[in-house]
Protein backbone atom coordinates (compact mmCIF):
# COMPACT_ATOMS: atom_id res chain seq x y z
CA MET A 1 36.84 141.67 120.82
CA GLU A 2 39.32 143.72 118.88
CA SER A 3 40.25 145.71 121.95
CA ILE A 4 40.84 142.49 123.91
CA TRP A 5 43.14 141.15 121.18
CA THR A 6 44.91 144.51 121.08
CA GLN A 7 45.39 144.44 124.81
CA ILE A 8 46.78 140.89 124.62
CA ILE A 9 49.35 141.56 121.92
CA GLU A 10 50.37 144.86 123.48
CA SER A 11 50.76 143.40 126.92
CA THR A 12 54.31 142.65 128.05
CA TRP A 13 56.04 139.71 129.60
CA LEU A 14 59.60 140.18 130.85
CA ASP A 15 59.45 143.68 129.37
CA ILE A 16 58.76 142.23 125.91
CA THR A 17 55.41 142.59 124.16
CA VAL A 18 53.39 139.49 123.38
CA ALA A 19 53.44 140.48 119.70
CA ARG A 20 57.22 140.19 119.62
CA TRP A 21 57.06 136.87 121.49
CA MET A 22 54.64 135.61 118.84
CA LEU A 23 56.85 136.85 115.99
CA ALA A 24 59.88 135.17 117.56
CA LEU A 25 58.01 131.89 118.02
CA LEU A 26 56.71 132.10 114.44
CA ALA A 27 60.25 132.65 113.13
CA LEU A 28 61.50 129.72 115.21
CA PHE A 29 58.67 127.51 113.91
CA ILE A 30 59.42 128.50 110.31
CA THR A 31 63.10 127.73 110.98
CA VAL A 32 62.33 124.21 112.23
CA VAL A 33 60.04 123.51 109.28
CA ALA A 34 62.52 124.99 106.84
CA GLN A 35 65.35 122.97 108.34
CA ARG A 36 63.46 119.75 107.79
CA TYR A 37 62.01 120.37 104.35
CA ILE A 38 64.82 122.45 102.85
CA VAL A 39 67.34 119.75 103.75
CA ARG A 40 65.04 117.14 102.18
CA ILE A 41 64.65 119.26 99.04
CA PHE A 42 68.40 119.85 99.05
CA HIS A 43 68.97 116.08 99.23
CA ASN A 44 66.60 115.38 96.32
CA ILE A 45 68.21 118.08 94.16
CA ALA A 46 71.64 116.68 94.99
CA GLN A 47 70.58 113.19 93.89
CA LYS A 48 69.26 114.53 90.59
CA ILE A 49 72.43 116.51 89.92
CA THR A 50 74.78 113.66 90.78
CA SER A 51 72.81 111.17 88.68
CA ARG A 52 73.42 113.32 85.60
CA THR A 53 77.21 113.57 86.07
CA GLU A 54 79.86 110.89 85.72
CA THR A 55 82.16 112.10 88.49
CA GLU A 56 81.46 111.39 92.16
CA LEU A 57 83.11 114.55 93.44
CA ASP A 58 79.89 116.58 93.25
CA ASN A 59 78.16 113.84 95.23
CA VAL A 60 80.87 114.06 97.89
CA LEU A 61 80.48 117.84 98.07
CA LEU A 62 76.69 117.77 98.37
CA GLU A 63 76.68 114.99 100.97
CA ALA A 64 79.24 116.90 103.04
CA ALA A 65 77.12 120.08 102.92
CA GLU A 66 73.74 118.49 103.65
CA ARG A 67 73.75 118.23 107.46
CA PRO A 68 75.86 121.36 108.15
CA ALA A 69 73.48 123.34 105.91
CA GLY A 70 70.52 122.24 108.03
CA MET A 71 72.30 123.19 111.24
CA LEU A 72 73.27 126.57 109.78
CA ILE A 73 69.62 127.26 108.89
CA PHE A 74 68.65 126.54 112.50
CA VAL A 75 71.35 128.89 113.88
CA ILE A 76 70.28 131.68 111.52
CA GLY A 77 66.62 131.20 112.44
CA LEU A 78 67.45 131.22 116.15
CA LEU A 79 69.44 134.44 115.75
CA ILE A 80 66.56 136.06 113.84
CA SER A 81 64.12 134.99 116.55
CA VAL A 82 66.25 136.52 119.29
CA HIS A 83 66.58 139.80 117.42
CA LEU A 84 62.82 139.89 116.77
CA LEU A 85 62.29 139.89 120.53
CA ASN A 86 64.26 143.16 120.68
CA LEU A 87 65.43 142.35 124.19
CA PRO A 88 66.04 145.42 126.31
CA THR A 89 69.70 145.67 127.13
CA GLU A 90 68.95 146.80 130.68
CA THR A 91 67.04 143.62 131.49
CA PHE A 92 68.77 141.18 129.13
CA PRO A 93 72.40 142.26 128.53
CA ILE A 94 73.12 139.12 126.55
CA ILE A 95 72.47 140.15 122.96
CA ALA A 96 76.17 140.64 122.29
CA LEU A 97 76.91 137.25 123.84
CA ILE A 98 74.25 135.60 121.68
CA ASP A 99 75.67 137.25 118.56
CA ASP A 100 79.17 136.10 119.44
CA GLY A 101 77.91 132.63 120.26
CA CYS A 102 76.08 132.32 116.95
CA ARG A 103 79.15 133.53 115.12
CA ILE A 104 81.31 130.92 116.86
CA VAL A 105 78.73 128.21 116.19
CA SER A 106 78.70 129.24 112.52
CA ILE A 107 82.48 128.85 112.43
CA VAL A 108 82.17 125.41 114.00
CA ILE A 109 79.54 124.45 111.42
CA GLY A 110 81.88 125.59 108.64
CA VAL A 111 84.67 123.46 110.13
CA TRP A 112 82.22 120.55 110.39
CA PHE A 113 81.41 120.92 106.70
CA LEU A 114 85.11 120.97 105.75
CA TRP A 115 85.76 117.94 107.98
CA ARG A 116 82.98 115.97 106.29
CA LEU A 117 84.28 117.09 102.90
CA LEU A 118 87.79 115.87 103.75
CA GLU A 119 86.40 112.50 104.87
CA GLY A 120 84.40 112.15 101.66
CA LEU A 121 87.38 113.08 99.51
CA ALA A 122 89.57 110.64 101.44
CA VAL A 123 87.12 107.80 100.75
CA TYR A 124 86.90 108.80 97.08
CA PHE A 125 90.65 109.03 96.51
CA THR A 126 91.31 105.86 98.55
CA ALA A 127 89.03 103.95 96.19
CA ARG A 128 90.85 105.49 93.23
CA ALA A 129 94.23 104.61 94.74
CA LYS A 130 93.26 100.94 95.09
CA GLN A 131 92.77 100.80 91.32
CA THR A 132 96.44 101.63 90.70
CA GLU A 133 99.38 99.25 90.95
CA SER A 134 101.45 101.57 93.15
CA SER A 135 101.14 101.21 96.92
CA LEU A 136 102.45 104.72 97.51
CA ASP A 137 99.14 106.47 96.87
CA ASP A 138 97.39 103.99 99.21
CA GLN A 139 99.58 105.32 102.02
CA LEU A 140 99.70 108.91 100.84
CA VAL A 141 95.94 109.57 100.73
CA PRO A 142 95.30 108.81 104.45
CA PHE A 143 98.40 110.79 105.42
CA ILE A 144 97.30 113.88 103.48
CA ALA A 145 93.77 113.56 104.87
CA LYS A 146 95.04 113.39 108.48
CA THR A 147 97.41 116.31 107.90
CA LEU A 148 94.64 118.49 106.48
CA LYS A 149 92.32 117.56 109.37
CA ILE A 150 94.97 118.56 111.92
CA PHE A 151 95.56 121.82 110.09
CA LEU A 152 91.78 122.42 109.97
CA VAL A 153 91.36 121.84 113.71
CA LEU A 154 94.29 124.11 114.60
CA THR A 155 92.97 126.84 112.34
CA ALA A 156 89.48 126.50 113.82
CA VAL A 157 90.82 126.76 117.37
CA LEU A 158 92.75 129.92 116.50
CA VAL A 159 89.77 131.51 114.74
CA VAL A 160 87.39 130.68 117.61
CA ALA A 161 89.87 132.00 120.17
CA GLN A 162 90.24 135.21 118.17
CA ASN A 163 86.45 135.65 118.04
CA MET A 164 86.23 135.08 121.79
CA GLY A 165 88.57 138.02 122.34
CA TYR A 166 91.80 136.17 123.06
CA SER A 167 95.07 137.30 121.49
CA VAL A 168 96.50 134.51 119.36
CA SER A 169 99.54 136.37 118.06
CA GLY A 170 101.79 134.94 120.79
CA LEU A 171 100.47 131.43 120.17
CA ILE A 172 101.05 131.77 116.43
CA ALA A 173 104.59 133.00 117.06
CA SER A 174 105.34 130.05 119.35
CA LEU A 175 103.86 127.64 116.83
CA GLY A 176 106.05 129.20 114.15
CA ILE A 177 109.20 128.75 116.23
CA GLY A 178 108.20 125.20 117.10
CA GLY A 179 107.42 124.46 113.46
CA ILE A 180 110.85 125.68 112.41
CA ALA A 181 112.51 123.47 115.02
CA VAL A 182 110.50 120.43 113.95
CA ALA A 183 111.18 121.14 110.27
CA MET A 184 114.94 121.36 110.91
CA ALA A 185 114.94 118.12 112.89
CA ALA A 186 112.84 116.24 110.35
CA LYS A 187 114.07 117.83 107.12
CA ASP A 188 115.09 114.47 105.64
CA THR A 189 111.70 112.95 106.44
CA ILE A 190 109.91 115.95 104.97
CA ALA A 191 112.11 115.76 101.86
CA ASN A 192 111.20 112.09 101.45
CA ILE A 193 107.52 112.92 101.86
CA PHE A 194 107.69 115.52 99.10
CA GLY A 195 109.69 113.06 97.01
CA SER A 196 106.90 110.52 97.46
CA VAL A 197 104.37 113.11 96.35
CA MET A 198 106.42 113.92 93.24
CA ILE A 199 106.73 110.22 92.36
CA LEU A 200 102.99 109.81 92.82
CA VAL A 201 102.18 112.85 90.66
CA ASP A 202 104.74 112.32 87.89
CA ARG A 203 104.51 108.48 87.88
CA PRO A 204 107.93 107.87 86.30
CA PHE A 205 107.52 104.16 87.06
CA MET A 206 105.15 101.58 88.52
CA VAL A 207 105.68 98.52 90.69
CA GLY A 208 107.19 95.82 88.48
CA ASP A 209 108.88 98.22 86.05
CA TRP A 210 112.50 97.74 85.04
CA ILE A 211 114.24 101.06 85.63
CA LYS A 212 117.81 102.23 85.15
CA THR A 213 119.68 105.17 86.67
CA SER A 214 123.29 106.26 86.80
CA GLN A 215 123.71 104.39 90.11
CA PHE A 216 121.63 101.21 89.85
CA GLU A 217 119.42 99.11 87.62
CA GLY A 218 116.65 96.74 88.57
CA VAL A 219 112.94 96.04 89.01
CA VAL A 220 110.75 98.14 91.30
CA GLU A 221 109.33 95.91 94.03
CA GLN A 222 107.70 98.41 96.36
CA VAL A 223 107.12 102.16 96.44
CA GLY A 224 106.94 103.11 100.09
CA PHE A 225 106.19 106.32 101.89
CA ARG A 226 109.84 107.00 102.72
CA SER A 227 111.80 104.90 100.23
CA THR A 228 111.50 102.71 97.15
CA ARG A 229 112.78 99.13 96.97
CA ILE A 230 114.63 98.08 93.83
CA ARG A 231 115.53 94.42 93.14
CA THR A 232 118.73 94.37 91.11
CA PHE A 233 119.56 91.69 88.55
CA ALA A 234 122.19 90.39 90.99
CA ARG A 235 119.17 89.63 93.25
CA THR A 236 120.22 92.22 95.82
CA LEU A 237 117.70 94.69 97.29
CA ILE A 238 118.32 98.45 97.20
CA ASN A 239 116.34 100.91 99.35
CA VAL A 240 116.48 104.34 97.74
CA PRO A 241 115.12 107.39 99.62
CA ASN A 242 112.31 108.94 97.61
CA SER A 243 113.87 112.40 97.87
CA THR A 244 116.97 111.07 96.10
CA LEU A 245 114.98 109.05 93.57
CA ALA A 246 112.77 112.03 92.67
CA ASN A 247 115.86 114.00 91.60
CA MET A 248 117.40 111.20 89.51
CA VAL A 249 117.25 110.76 85.76
CA ILE A 250 115.25 107.54 85.44
CA ASP A 251 115.21 105.40 82.33
CA ASN A 252 112.06 103.27 82.44
CA ILE A 253 112.99 100.32 80.25
CA ASP A 254 109.54 98.73 80.42
CA GLN A 255 107.82 101.82 79.02
CA ARG A 256 109.24 101.24 75.55
CA SER A 257 106.92 99.71 72.99
CA GLU A 258 109.58 97.41 71.51
CA ARG A 259 113.22 96.38 72.07
CA ARG A 260 116.09 97.54 69.92
CA ILE A 261 118.57 95.14 68.31
CA LYS A 262 121.83 96.68 67.17
CA MET A 263 124.71 94.54 65.88
CA ARG A 264 127.46 94.13 63.27
CA ILE A 265 128.39 91.20 61.05
CA GLY A 266 131.97 91.01 59.84
CA LEU A 267 132.81 89.17 56.60
CA THR A 268 136.29 88.38 55.38
CA TYR A 269 138.03 90.51 52.77
CA SER A 270 137.73 87.63 50.30
CA THR A 271 134.03 88.63 49.90
CA SER A 272 133.35 90.20 46.51
CA SER A 273 131.17 93.24 45.99
CA GLU A 274 128.53 91.10 44.27
CA GLN A 275 128.44 88.66 47.18
CA MET A 276 128.17 91.57 49.62
CA GLN A 277 125.16 92.96 47.75
CA HIS A 278 123.45 89.54 47.73
CA ALA A 279 124.19 89.13 51.46
CA ILE A 280 122.62 92.51 52.28
CA THR A 281 119.56 91.75 50.15
CA GLY A 282 119.17 88.32 51.80
CA ILE A 283 119.42 89.76 55.33
CA GLU A 284 116.82 92.41 54.49
CA ALA A 285 114.50 89.66 53.24
CA ILE A 286 115.00 87.73 56.49
CA LEU A 287 114.03 90.77 58.57
CA CYS A 288 110.99 91.51 56.40
CA ALA A 289 109.75 87.92 56.61
CA HIS A 290 110.16 87.37 60.36
CA PRO A 291 106.89 87.96 62.30
CA GLY A 292 108.75 89.02 65.45
CA VAL A 293 110.54 91.94 63.77
CA ASP A 294 108.93 95.37 63.88
CA GLN A 295 108.56 96.51 60.27
CA SER A 296 108.30 100.24 60.96
CA TYR A 297 112.05 100.81 60.92
CA LYS A 298 115.07 98.62 60.10
CA LEU A 299 118.49 99.08 58.53
CA VAL A 300 120.93 96.69 56.83
CA LYS A 301 123.98 98.55 55.49
CA PHE A 302 127.56 97.78 54.49
CA ASP A 303 129.18 100.69 56.30
CA GLU A 304 132.76 99.94 57.37
CA PHE A 305 136.06 98.64 56.02
CA GLU A 306 137.46 97.50 59.31
CA ASP A 307 140.95 96.19 60.03
CA SER A 308 139.99 92.53 59.83
CA SER A 309 136.55 92.51 58.20
CA LEU A 310 133.96 94.03 55.93
CA SER A 311 131.28 95.20 58.37
CA ILE A 312 127.51 94.97 57.81
CA PHE A 313 125.47 97.11 60.23
CA LEU A 314 122.07 95.76 61.42
CA TYR A 315 119.56 97.93 63.25
CA TYR A 316 116.00 96.76 63.93
CA PHE A 317 113.43 96.25 66.68
CA SER A 318 111.58 93.24 68.05
CA SER A 319 107.81 93.59 68.16
CA SER A 320 107.68 92.36 71.75
CA LYS A 321 109.31 94.09 74.71
CA VAL A 322 109.26 90.89 76.79
CA TRP A 323 112.86 89.86 77.47
CA GLU A 324 112.44 86.17 76.62
CA GLU A 325 110.50 86.83 73.40
CA TYR A 326 113.05 89.46 72.40
CA LEU A 327 115.89 86.96 72.80
CA GLN A 328 113.95 84.35 70.82
CA VAL A 329 113.52 86.78 67.89
CA ARG A 330 117.19 87.69 68.01
CA GLN A 331 118.22 84.04 68.04
CA GLU A 332 115.99 83.07 65.11
CA VAL A 333 117.20 86.00 63.00
CA ASN A 334 120.84 85.22 63.79
CA LEU A 335 120.41 81.56 62.83
CA GLN A 336 118.77 82.48 59.53
CA ILE A 337 121.60 84.92 58.75
CA MET A 338 124.16 82.21 59.48
CA GLN A 339 122.36 79.79 57.16
CA LEU A 340 122.20 82.43 54.43
CA LEU A 341 125.90 83.29 54.60
CA GLU A 342 126.99 79.66 54.86
CA GLY A 343 124.88 78.85 51.79
CA MET A 344 126.63 81.64 49.90
CA GLY A 345 130.04 80.29 50.89
CA LEU A 346 130.92 83.43 52.86
CA GLU A 347 133.03 83.35 56.00
CA PHE A 348 132.76 85.36 59.17
CA ALA A 349 135.85 87.37 59.88
CA PHE A 350 137.77 87.37 63.10
CA PRO A 351 140.68 89.53 64.16
CA THR A 352 143.70 88.49 62.08
CA ARG A 353 147.04 89.99 61.15
CA THR A 354 149.10 89.18 58.09
CA LEU A 355 152.86 89.49 58.36
CA HIS A 356 154.88 90.09 55.20
CA ILE A 357 158.51 88.94 55.69
CA GLU A 358 161.06 90.36 53.28
CA GLN A 359 164.41 88.67 52.92
CA VAL A 360 167.41 90.76 51.98
CA GLN A 361 170.44 88.95 50.47
CA GLN A 362 173.73 90.33 51.58
CA GLU A 363 176.60 90.44 49.02
CA SER A 364 179.67 88.58 50.09
CA GLN A 365 182.59 90.85 50.83
CA PRO A 366 186.05 89.82 49.40
CA THR A 367 188.61 89.13 51.98
CA GLY A 368 191.79 91.15 51.80
């Protein structure tokens, strides 16, 4: 019995022993089983890991790797099975071709994994972009995803061609020259794209913000992929290229926590020092008592002897940054100051000029 079994496993088929055929089939069987169960185990481990973390990025990574990992296991098992056969090169001169083919397939599987990863990241960041007020990131995420996919495909084609024995140096040189030509022709568009990216990253403003620059002032209506639309207070619409806007000094008015009120009150020179002190004390009390005035910082000071008035300097902030509420606080404070000064019998000064006329009497000269 033993001799029969020995004869069977030592017998050859296509110049390959039956023992090696059995080892190859066993390796292929183990590969198929491993592909099915290892991928399932991989999936279960991925679910446990992602359930313990708050971010979804690890889930995206593991889902992208799941199917390519199974295919890679199959390719590796197939390659092991072929090498276990120990094919004679005289009869089967295809070992080198199989090795090259498996290497190319492995590259394709790696590209497949990166493609799935890019799609998962695009879905993730698209959902995040919808939670923001800006429409720029909604357009930017698909654009970046498509650009990276094109770059991935081009790189994969070059790598596969290189592994197949083709020279890609000439192709790379031609692509470089073509890229320079395209970049020169579309330099403004590329500059606007990078400007859009900078606006998205830095977030100097959002849609609806009141911004001010050295050239314009208005409310941001739309942040596009190429330009940003600003509605001025004259109700005109300005389209500013994002490359220009990214290099501007931008004052975001709506990002302040409160609005500043800075003004002067001029009293006539008939005001006595005692009345001035009472007026300052009364104005300070008005600011302290008003609920719309921010109490963190305020100033009421008699600071100037001006040409036509005694000047009181007021500096304070409204608690609200809303334009209408700010004006309401300013109006109420001004009315209370007027009532205070009128009750004290003080008068507001206005530009005046006093002329002093001096008369000179001329002595009469005797006539000769």
